[in-house]
Protein backbone atom coordinates (compact mmCIF):
# COMPACT_ATOMS: atom_id res chain seq x y z
CA MET A 1 211.19 79.63 95.31
CA ASP A 2 210.07 77.72 92.18
CA LYS A 3 209.75 73.91 92.57
CA LYS A 4 212.32 72.00 89.81
CA ALA A 5 211.74 69.11 87.67
CA LYS A 6 214.33 67.52 85.38
CA MET A 7 213.85 65.81 82.16
CA ILE A 8 216.71 64.01 79.90
CA LEU A 9 216.01 63.33 76.26
CA ASP A 10 218.29 61.49 73.91
CA LYS A 11 217.62 61.14 70.43
CA ASP A 12 218.20 57.45 70.69
CA TYR A 13 215.89 56.50 73.22
CA LYS A 14 212.81 55.74 71.48
CA ILE A 15 209.55 54.02 72.87
CA GLY A 16 208.37 53.76 69.27
CA ASP A 17 207.24 55.52 66.06
CA ILE A 18 203.88 57.15 66.51
CA ASP A 19 200.87 56.06 64.21
CA ASN A 20 199.18 59.14 63.21
CA ARG A 21 195.85 57.48 63.92
CA ILE A 22 196.35 57.98 67.59
CA TYR A 23 194.73 61.50 66.81
CA GLY A 24 191.56 59.86 65.58
CA SER A 25 188.18 60.88 66.62
CA PHE A 26 184.59 59.71 66.79
CA ILE A 27 180.90 60.59 65.30
CA GLU A 28 178.03 58.41 66.50
CA HIS A 29 174.64 58.88 65.67
CA LEU A 30 173.68 60.18 68.97
CA GLY A 31 172.28 63.67 70.08
CA ARG A 32 173.60 66.45 67.54
CA ALA A 33 176.81 64.74 66.47
CA VAL A 34 175.52 64.08 63.04
CA TYR A 35 172.08 66.09 62.64
CA GLY A 36 172.92 69.66 63.52
CA GLY A 37 176.83 68.75 63.83
CA ILE A 38 178.40 67.74 60.95
CA TYR A 39 175.31 67.63 58.69
CA GLN A 40 172.36 70.57 58.41
CA PRO A 41 171.29 70.98 54.83
CA ASP A 42 169.23 74.23 55.72
CA HIS A 43 172.20 75.77 57.37
CA PRO A 44 173.78 78.71 55.78
CA GLU A 45 177.13 77.33 56.02
CA ALA A 46 175.85 73.91 54.34
CA ASP A 47 177.71 72.59 51.28
CA ASP A 48 176.56 70.76 48.44
CA MET A 49 176.00 67.70 50.23
CA GLY A 50 174.57 69.45 53.37
CA PHE A 51 177.56 69.13 55.52
CA ARG A 52 178.47 72.08 57.40
CA LYS A 53 181.54 73.87 56.09
CA ASP A 54 182.36 75.85 59.34
CA VAL A 55 182.65 72.56 61.10
CA ILE A 56 184.68 71.08 58.38
CA ASP A 57 187.22 73.88 58.52
CA LEU A 58 187.42 73.29 62.42
CA VAL A 59 187.95 69.33 61.98
CA LYS A 60 190.45 69.99 59.29
CA GLU A 61 192.34 72.27 61.50
CA LEU A 62 192.69 69.33 63.90
CA LYS A 63 194.31 67.02 61.23
CA VAL A 64 192.20 64.33 62.39
CA PRO A 65 193.58 61.30 60.67
CA ILE A 66 190.62 58.70 61.32
CA VAL A 67 187.15 58.99 62.49
CA ARG A 68 185.21 56.03 64.07
CA TYR A 69 181.60 55.67 62.88
CA PRO A 70 178.56 55.16 63.30
CA GLY A 71 179.16 54.22 67.15
CA GLY A 72 179.22 53.64 69.80
CA ASN A 73 176.16 51.94 71.67
CA PHE A 74 174.22 53.24 68.44
CA VAL A 75 175.70 50.26 66.23
CA SER A 76 174.55 47.65 68.34
CA GLY A 77 170.93 48.30 66.93
CA TYR A 78 171.80 49.75 63.60
CA ASN A 79 170.79 48.22 60.25
CA TRP A 80 173.17 49.73 58.03
CA GLU A 81 171.19 49.23 55.05
CA ASP A 82 168.67 51.89 56.15
CA GLY A 83 171.17 54.45 55.45
CA ILE A 84 171.74 53.66 51.63
CA GLY A 85 169.93 54.25 48.48
CA PRO A 86 167.47 57.46 47.85
CA LYS A 87 167.21 59.33 50.89
CA GLU A 88 163.45 59.94 50.24
CA LYS A 89 162.99 56.00 50.46
CA ARG A 90 165.08 55.38 53.66
CA PRO A 91 163.02 54.57 56.93
CA ARG A 92 162.77 56.67 60.26
CA ARG A 93 163.35 54.03 63.00
CA LEU A 94 163.09 53.99 66.74
CA GLU A 95 166.74 54.21 67.79
CA LEU A 96 167.08 52.33 71.05
CA ALA A 97 170.48 52.90 72.37
CA TRP A 98 169.79 56.79 72.74
CA ARG A 99 166.09 56.67 72.67
CA SER A 100 165.83 58.99 69.90
CA ILE A 101 164.47 58.82 66.27
CA GLU A 102 166.56 58.01 63.39
CA THR A 103 166.16 59.59 60.10
CA ASN A 104 168.89 57.66 58.20
CA GLU A 105 169.47 61.08 56.22
CA VAL A 106 173.06 60.27 56.65
CA GLY A 107 174.55 56.57 56.00
CA VAL A 108 177.73 54.83 55.26
CA ASN A 109 178.17 56.51 51.94
CA GLU A 110 177.39 60.27 53.06
CA PHE A 111 179.89 59.47 55.76
CA VAL A 112 182.58 58.37 53.64
CA GLN A 113 181.97 61.44 51.54
CA TRP A 114 182.40 63.78 54.61
CA ALA A 115 185.29 62.19 55.81
CA LYS A 116 187.08 62.98 52.27
CA ARG A 117 185.92 66.59 52.83
CA VAL A 118 188.09 66.44 56.24
CA ASN A 119 190.89 64.64 54.98
CA ALA A 120 190.17 61.59 57.23
CA ASP A 121 189.76 57.91 56.86
CA VAL A 122 186.78 55.79 58.14
CA MET A 123 187.19 53.37 61.04
CA MET A 124 183.74 51.34 60.47
CA ALA A 125 181.92 49.52 63.30
CA VAL A 126 179.65 46.75 62.49
CA ASN A 127 176.72 45.59 64.49
CA LEU A 128 177.38 42.43 66.61
CA GLY A 129 174.29 43.33 69.01
CA THR A 130 171.22 42.44 67.04
CA ARG A 131 173.28 41.16 63.87
CA GLY A 132 176.15 39.31 62.95
CA ALA A 133 178.67 37.74 60.42
CA ASP A 134 176.20 38.05 57.61
CA GLU A 135 175.39 41.82 57.56
CA ALA A 136 179.24 42.39 58.35
CA ARG A 137 180.20 40.58 55.26
CA ASN A 138 177.70 42.10 53.26
CA LEU A 139 178.84 45.76 54.42
CA VAL A 140 182.53 44.98 53.76
CA GLU A 141 181.61 43.63 50.20
CA TYR A 142 179.10 46.90 49.54
CA CYS A 143 181.98 49.09 50.95
CA ASN A 144 185.24 47.44 49.41
CA HIS A 145 184.55 45.24 46.74
CA PRO A 146 185.22 46.43 43.13
CA GLY A 147 182.09 45.39 41.33
CA GLY A 148 180.47 42.33 39.67
CA THR A 149 178.60 41.30 42.93
CA TYR A 150 175.14 41.94 44.15
CA TRP A 151 176.51 44.27 47.05
CA SER A 152 179.10 46.01 45.01
CA ASP A 153 176.81 46.70 42.22
CA LEU A 154 174.29 48.04 44.43
CA ARG A 155 176.80 50.61 45.73
CA LYS A 156 177.46 51.44 42.08
CA THR A 157 173.88 52.02 41.37
CA HIS A 158 173.88 54.44 44.39
CA GLY A 159 176.23 56.58 42.60
CA TYR A 160 179.51 55.37 44.28
CA ASP A 161 181.48 53.64 41.27
CA GLU A 162 184.92 53.32 43.14
CA PRO A 163 184.85 51.28 46.48
CA HIS A 164 185.45 53.24 49.36
CA ASN A 165 188.12 51.17 50.68
CA ILE A 166 187.72 51.41 54.37
CA LYS A 167 190.68 49.59 56.27
CA VAL A 168 189.96 49.28 59.76
CA TRP A 169 186.71 47.87 61.15
CA CYS A 170 185.47 47.46 64.89
CA LEU A 171 183.84 44.29 65.66
CA GLY A 172 181.10 45.71 67.61
CA ASN A 173 181.00 47.89 70.70
CA GLU A 174 181.20 47.68 74.21
CA MET A 175 179.85 44.26 74.27
CA ASP A 176 180.75 43.20 77.70
CA GLY A 177 178.21 46.25 78.82
CA PRO A 178 174.91 45.25 80.40
CA TRP A 179 173.37 48.69 78.90
CA GLN A 180 174.74 47.53 75.31
CA ILE A 181 171.83 46.22 73.11
CA CYS A 182 172.24 42.30 72.82
CA HIS A 183 174.89 42.62 75.53
CA LYS A 184 177.09 39.46 75.46
CA THR A 185 179.50 37.03 77.80
CA ALA A 186 183.10 36.91 76.58
CA GLN A 187 182.54 33.65 75.26
CA GLU A 188 179.57 34.53 73.40
CA TYR A 189 181.24 37.43 71.96
CA GLY A 190 184.45 35.80 71.36
CA ARG A 191 183.19 33.31 69.15
CA LEU A 192 180.76 35.58 67.16
CA ALA A 193 183.82 38.06 66.74
CA CYS A 194 186.03 35.39 65.40
CA GLU A 195 183.78 34.00 62.84
CA THR A 196 182.64 37.34 61.88
CA ALA A 197 186.40 38.48 61.33
CA LYS A 198 186.93 35.31 59.10
CA VAL A 199 184.30 36.19 56.67
CA MET A 200 185.12 39.90 56.50
CA LYS A 201 188.73 38.96 55.74
CA LEU A 202 187.70 36.65 53.09
CA VAL A 203 185.64 39.51 51.58
CA ASP A 204 188.64 41.79 51.99
CA PRO A 205 191.76 40.32 53.31
CA SER A 206 193.62 43.72 53.54
CA ILE A 207 191.41 45.11 56.31
CA GLU A 208 192.55 45.42 59.82
CA LEU A 209 190.11 44.49 62.60
CA VAL A 210 189.49 45.92 66.09
CA ALA A 211 188.11 43.27 68.90
CA CYS A 212 186.07 45.00 72.00
CA GLY A 213 187.96 44.90 74.99
CA SER A 214 186.30 46.03 78.46
CA SER A 215 183.96 49.18 78.21
CA ASN A 216 186.29 50.49 81.01
CA SER A 217 188.90 49.19 83.47
CA LYS A 218 186.39 49.27 86.45
CA MET A 219 184.06 46.62 84.73
CA PRO A 220 183.73 43.51 87.07
CA THR A 221 184.80 41.24 84.20
CA PHE A 222 187.64 43.32 83.17
CA GLY A 223 191.06 41.25 82.31
CA GLU A 224 189.14 37.91 82.14
CA TRP A 225 186.96 39.53 79.10
CA GLU A 226 190.01 40.50 77.22
CA ALA A 227 191.84 37.02 77.75
CA THR A 228 189.03 35.04 76.82
CA VAL A 229 188.09 37.25 73.85
CA LEU A 230 191.62 37.03 72.63
CA ASP A 231 191.81 33.56 73.22
CA TYR A 232 188.96 33.01 70.48
CA THR A 233 190.09 35.93 68.11
CA TYR A 234 194.06 36.14 68.39
CA GLU A 235 194.88 34.93 64.96
CA TYR A 236 192.16 36.97 63.29
CA VAL A 237 192.16 40.42 64.95
CA ASP A 238 194.88 43.18 64.86
CA TYR A 239 193.72 45.23 67.78
CA VAL A 240 191.71 45.11 70.98
CA SER A 241 189.73 48.41 72.13
CA LEU A 242 189.91 50.19 75.52
CA HIS A 243 187.39 52.80 76.41
CA THR A 244 187.62 55.31 79.58
CA TYR A 245 186.09 58.56 80.45
CA TYR A 246 186.94 60.76 83.55
CA GLY A 247 185.09 63.41 85.68
CA ASN A 248 185.56 65.74 88.42
CA GLN A 249 182.02 65.26 90.10
CA GLU A 250 183.87 65.78 93.56
CA ASP A 251 185.52 69.07 92.66
CA ASP A 252 188.97 67.86 93.77
CA ILE A 253 191.53 69.09 91.19
CA GLY A 254 194.44 67.24 92.27
CA ASN A 255 192.76 64.12 92.26
CA TYR A 256 191.17 64.84 88.97
CA LEU A 257 194.51 65.88 86.97
CA ALA A 258 195.99 62.48 88.48
CA LYS A 259 193.51 60.29 86.66
CA SER A 260 195.51 60.00 83.69
CA LEU A 261 197.87 57.80 85.83
CA ASP A 262 194.83 55.41 85.76
CA MET A 263 194.57 55.44 82.07
CA ASP A 264 198.29 54.33 82.22
CA GLU A 265 197.79 51.55 84.36
CA PHE A 266 194.85 50.43 82.25
CA ILE A 267 197.17 50.35 79.21
CA LYS A 268 199.55 48.64 80.83
CA SER A 269 197.13 45.85 81.88
CA VAL A 270 196.04 45.30 78.52
CA VAL A 271 199.17 45.05 76.98
CA SER A 272 200.01 42.55 79.59
CA ILE A 273 196.95 40.29 78.81
CA CYS A 274 197.42 40.54 75.28
CA ASP A 275 201.15 39.27 75.83
CA TYR A 276 199.83 36.65 77.91
CA ILE A 277 197.73 35.33 75.01
CA LYS A 278 200.48 35.58 72.66
CA ALA A 279 202.66 33.49 74.67
CA LYS A 280 199.97 30.89 75.55
CA LYS A 281 199.36 30.58 71.98
CA ARG A 282 203.14 30.46 70.99
CA SER A 283 202.34 32.93 68.22
CA ASN A 284 204.66 35.25 66.35
CA LYS A 285 201.96 37.99 66.17
CA THR A 286 201.54 40.79 68.20
CA ILE A 287 198.22 42.50 69.18
CA ASN A 288 198.32 46.29 69.50
CA LEU A 289 195.60 48.50 71.17
CA SER A 290 192.98 50.89 69.88
CA PHE A 291 191.92 53.15 72.56
CA ASP A 292 189.17 54.27 70.54
CA GLU A 293 186.91 56.08 73.08
CA TRP A 294 188.38 58.41 75.50
CA ASN A 295 187.65 61.80 76.83
CA VAL A 296 186.36 63.78 79.71
CA TRP A 297 182.47 63.18 80.30
CA PHE A 298 180.48 64.27 83.40
CA HIS A 299 178.91 67.53 82.87
CA SER A 300 175.76 66.71 81.09
CA HIS A 301 174.73 63.82 83.02
CA GLU A 302 172.12 65.56 84.81
CA ALA A 303 170.73 67.55 82.01
CA ASP A 304 170.57 64.30 79.57
CA LYS A 305 168.05 62.68 82.35
CA LYS A 306 165.59 65.71 81.47
CA VAL A 307 165.54 65.12 77.66
CA GLN A 308 162.30 63.79 76.11
CA PRO A 309 162.45 60.50 74.24
CA TRP A 310 161.81 60.11 70.34
CA THR A 311 162.69 63.31 69.18
CA VAL A 312 165.33 63.95 66.13
CA ALA A 313 168.99 64.85 67.13
CA PRO A 314 168.21 65.96 70.82
CA PRO A 315 170.75 67.93 72.64
CA LEU A 316 172.50 65.06 74.31
CA LEU A 317 175.95 64.46 76.12
CA GLU A 318 176.73 68.40 75.48
CA ASP A 319 179.40 68.84 77.85
CA VAL A 320 180.64 72.39 78.42
CA TYR A 321 184.39 71.88 78.79
CA THR A 322 186.23 73.92 81.55
CA PHE A 323 189.94 75.02 81.60
CA GLU A 324 190.71 72.18 84.06
CA ASP A 325 189.17 69.77 81.65
CA ALA A 326 191.70 70.92 78.94
CA LEU A 327 194.35 70.21 81.46
CA LEU A 328 193.13 66.46 81.90
CA VAL A 329 192.82 65.98 78.08
CA GLY A 330 196.45 67.20 77.84
CA CYS A 331 197.57 64.61 80.41
CA MET A 332 195.82 61.89 78.54
CA LEU A 333 197.33 62.73 75.40
CA ILE A 334 200.80 62.68 76.82
CA THR A 335 199.92 59.05 78.24
CA LEU A 336 198.96 57.85 74.75
CA LEU A 337 202.28 59.34 73.74
CA LYS A 338 204.06 57.25 76.34
CA HIS A 339 202.69 54.24 75.04
CA ALA A 340 203.20 54.86 71.27
CA ASP A 341 204.96 51.49 70.88
CA ARG A 342 201.33 49.56 71.51
CA VAL A 343 198.75 52.07 71.33
CA LYS A 344 198.42 52.81 67.43
CA ILE A 345 194.90 54.22 67.02
CA ALA A 346 192.90 56.29 69.56
CA CYS A 347 189.76 58.18 69.16
CA LEU A 348 188.86 61.40 71.13
CA ALA A 349 185.17 60.75 71.55
CA GLN A 350 183.51 62.62 70.17
CA LEU A 351 184.19 65.38 67.70
CA VAL A 352 181.11 67.56 67.37
CA ASN A 353 178.52 68.46 69.83
CA VAL A 354 178.63 65.31 71.82
CA ILE A 355 181.32 65.49 74.54
CA ALA A 356 183.17 67.05 71.87
CA PRO A 357 186.10 69.73 71.27
CA ILE A 358 183.92 71.44 68.79
CA MET A 359 180.24 72.98 69.13
CA THR A 360 177.85 74.10 67.13
CA ASP A 361 174.48 76.34 67.33
CA ASN A 362 171.93 75.15 65.07
CA ASN A 363 171.24 78.59 63.91
CA GLY A 364 174.52 79.92 64.07
CA GLY A 365 178.10 79.26 64.22
CA ALA A 366 180.81 76.72 65.43
CA TRP A 367 183.36 77.08 67.91
CA ARG A 368 186.32 75.59 69.92
CA GLN A 369 185.78 74.02 73.21
CA THR A 370 188.70 74.21 75.69
CA ILE A 371 189.64 70.81 75.00
CA TYR A 372 190.11 71.48 71.40
CA TYR A 373 193.55 73.14 72.08
CA PRO A 374 195.49 70.18 73.67
CA TYR A 375 194.06 67.95 70.98
CA LEU A 376 195.17 70.56 67.99
CA HIS A 377 198.54 70.81 69.65
CA ALA A 378 199.24 67.13 69.97
CA SER A 379 198.03 66.43 66.45
CA ASN A 380 199.80 69.03 64.81
CA TYR A 381 203.17 68.70 66.37
CA GLY A 382 202.84 65.13 67.66
CA ARG A 383 203.72 63.04 64.79
CA GLY A 384 207.21 61.10 64.43
CA THR A 385 208.80 59.50 67.00
CA SER A 386 207.98 59.08 70.62
CA LEU A 387 210.84 59.57 72.92
CA LYS A 388 211.68 58.14 76.56
CA ALA A 389 211.79 60.88 78.45
CA VAL A 390 213.60 60.27 81.82
CA ILE A 391 211.77 62.61 84.63
CA SER A 392 212.55 63.48 88.00
CA SER A 393 209.69 65.51 89.41
CA PRO A 394 208.09 66.54 92.74
CA VAL A 395 205.24 64.51 93.76
CA TYR A 396 202.01 64.93 95.65
CA ASP A 397 199.47 62.55 97.06
CA SER A 398 195.44 62.81 96.32
CA LYS A 399 192.26 60.90 97.23
CA ASP A 400 192.85 58.11 94.97
CA PHE A 401 196.54 58.29 93.87
CA SER A 402 199.88 58.57 95.56
CA ASP A 403 203.01 60.00 94.34
CA VAL A 404 201.45 62.11 91.40
CA PRO A 405 204.28 64.02 89.39
CA LEU A 406 203.86 67.59 89.30
CA LEU A 407 205.51 67.54 85.54
CA GLU A 408 203.41 65.16 83.23
CA ALA A 409 205.34 65.40 79.90
CA ALA A 410 206.39 63.50 76.61
CA ALA A 411 208.65 64.24 73.72
CA VAL A 412 208.25 63.72 70.00
CA LEU A 413 211.00 63.83 67.35
CA SER A 414 209.51 64.84 64.04
CA GLU A 415 209.77 62.35 61.00
CA SER A 416 212.03 64.54 59.33
CA GLY A 417 214.18 64.63 62.59
CA ASN A 418 214.66 68.53 62.36
CA GLU A 419 212.05 69.05 65.10
CA LEU A 420 211.57 68.37 68.50
CA THR A 421 208.32 68.98 70.50
CA ILE A 422 207.90 68.78 74.43
CA PHE A 423 204.30 68.50 75.63
CA ALA A 424 204.19 69.24 79.45
CA VAL A 425 201.25 69.68 82.14
CA ASN A 426 202.28 71.36 85.34
CA ARG A 427 199.72 69.91 87.89
CA ASP A 428 200.87 72.20 90.86
CA GLN A 429 197.99 74.23 92.15
CA GLN A 430 200.04 76.96 94.01
CA ASP A 431 203.36 77.59 91.95
CA SER A 432 204.99 77.46 88.32
CA LEU A 433 207.45 74.79 87.70
CA LEU A 434 210.88 75.11 86.39
CA LEU A 435 211.64 72.54 84.02
CA GLU A 436 215.14 71.79 82.95
CA CYS A 437 215.36 69.46 80.10
CA GLU A 438 218.70 68.20 79.03
CA ILE A 439 218.46 67.38 75.25
CA ARG A 440 221.27 64.96 74.01
CA GLY A 441 221.92 64.40 70.45
CA PHE A 442 220.12 67.78 69.66
CA GLU A 443 222.94 70.03 68.78
CA GLY A 444 222.15 73.13 66.53
CA TYR A 445 218.39 73.32 67.92
CA ARG A 446 216.57 76.59 69.03
CA VAL A 447 213.33 77.17 70.73
CA VAL A 448 211.02 78.09 68.22
CA GLU A 449 207.62 78.75 70.14
CA HIS A 450 206.58 78.11 73.64
CA ILE A 451 202.88 77.59 73.80
CA VAL A 452 200.91 77.93 76.94
CA LEU A 453 197.39 77.28 77.82
CA GLU A 454 196.65 78.50 81.28
CA ASN A 455 193.69 80.65 82.77
CA GLU A 456 193.11 81.90 86.38
CA ASP A 457 189.69 80.39 86.68
CA LEU A 458 189.38 76.53 86.61
CA LYS A 459 186.00 76.74 85.58
CA ALA A 460 186.47 78.93 82.54
CA THR A 461 184.65 77.79 79.42
CA ASN A 462 184.31 78.79 75.64
CA THR A 463 180.65 79.38 74.60
CA LYS A 464 178.76 80.68 72.03
CA GLU A 465 178.52 83.99 73.68
CA ASN A 466 182.34 84.03 74.52
CA PRO A 467 184.20 81.38 72.24
CA PHE A 468 187.69 82.74 72.80
CA ASN A 469 187.59 82.87 76.68
CA VAL A 470 190.26 80.25 77.01
CA VAL A 471 192.76 80.30 74.35
CA PRO A 472 196.62 79.46 74.28
CA HIS A 473 199.07 82.21 73.89
CA SER A 474 202.66 81.99 72.76
CA ASN A 475 204.48 84.09 75.16
CA GLY A 476 206.19 81.22 77.07
CA LYS A 477 210.01 81.90 77.81
CA ALA A 478 211.66 78.66 77.11
CA ALA A 479 215.27 78.83 76.16
CA ILE A 480 218.36 76.66 75.51
CA GLU A 481 221.41 77.20 77.56
CA ASP A 482 224.19 74.80 77.06
CA GLY A 483 222.32 71.82 75.73
CA VAL A 484 219.82 72.39 78.42
CA VAL A 485 216.02 73.74 77.66
CA LYS A 486 214.98 75.82 80.68
CA ALA A 487 211.18 76.94 81.03
CA SER A 488 208.96 77.98 83.85
CA LEU A 489 205.39 76.31 83.39
CA PRO A 490 202.84 78.00 84.94
CA ARG A 491 200.94 76.71 87.78
CA LEU A 492 197.95 74.35 86.33
CA SER A 493 199.15 74.77 82.65
CA TRP A 494 199.69 72.97 79.30
CA ASN A 495 202.68 73.68 77.69
CA VAL A 496 203.94 73.05 74.03
CA ILE A 497 207.87 73.72 73.98
CA ARG A 498 208.49 73.39 69.92
CA LEU A 499 212.42 73.29 68.89
CA ALA A 500 213.89 73.10 65.85
CA LYS A 501 217.27 72.50 63.95
CA LYS A 502 218.89 75.80 62.91
CA ASN A 503 219.38 75.96 59.24
């Protein structure tokens, strides 16, 4: 007999409005993310600026609202001035973060144009590793000031008369990490971030700023880092960042799919620290969260050790994702939706070729990895209000987690109020799970579609040779009976149950 999970949704029980930017992504000057990824002027699919149209189409399908750029570890050694002006005069540099050659063919202006072509905003990161407040304020002036000053007029001579109006800026990247170029202590970074934030907002008071939180929750300085940095920056920044990556090195599917519970605890902990500093400072301002790096990352670790240094766009971090990776990515998306009241920006890291939902062949086409599909569904159907779901589910214990619910689920009421979407993962390794979801205040709704991503092979992948090996289908059997949505969720599956009000 199928196991059963129950869920109650009420139109009036809300977590909060979903900021569309939680479906953001990330492009770093790393591996083939830029060169051979979004940009390849000698490719048959290249447009007038050298951007790959096949990649643009796949990004547009995802409806990515914002893209973080240009890093990542890369930004801590990057001189943004190298990437502006005539391409033939731009310097080739030793790029120390990933030990590659950076040609600087793509810089801030080109990236802004690419973002426009995929209908996304830019989330710009400034270098607080080798550089500081002066370069950051100049970059804001170059990007956002209308004209009549040195840097804004220089932008105009480069062919961009109108300002770029970039509204979200990261104050460095992972500055707590010893691997980071010019890594800082919390006090050093807090002071620098505070002073940099001040001058950037003097140039353009309309911008929002993200302070670096811990690189992950396992850092020895986690917690103390956030508290110290926010002590310095609280009145000048708008968000604090979180980063996390998970892997299944031990090939333990039960433990692997439970790792989104770690992400949940990470978010709760950082919210607590933000609110502690708010209370300590007796502030009326609430700091929200930018989860601006999250994904599965472990497949490529061994291959990356063999890459020769000092080449242009080497194949780095090219994880080939499995079906089970897509299930965890689905659980992580659900976790973000559960915290929509405080997580306002999130970036799946990254977007193309580098730990990415989209892969390309330098001499061929582009294709969707397994993780593309939960991201696609959440971004397309998960906009509106996150509802507080009351769930009772059978549980299991794994190596690192206890009481892991078989049902991982979230629900979203659309902005129009006429559509309700339930996202659900069944973690059960043996059996399908019968979901009974009581929906209150949703009279006259019907099931429009029940999308399922399932596969008998947990290690199934999508490759250049077989790009449609793992794809979702719409043959799920969800139905409504007397105000209760009933659905059988196949074992180890990602489900999207879409309901709409009858016209």
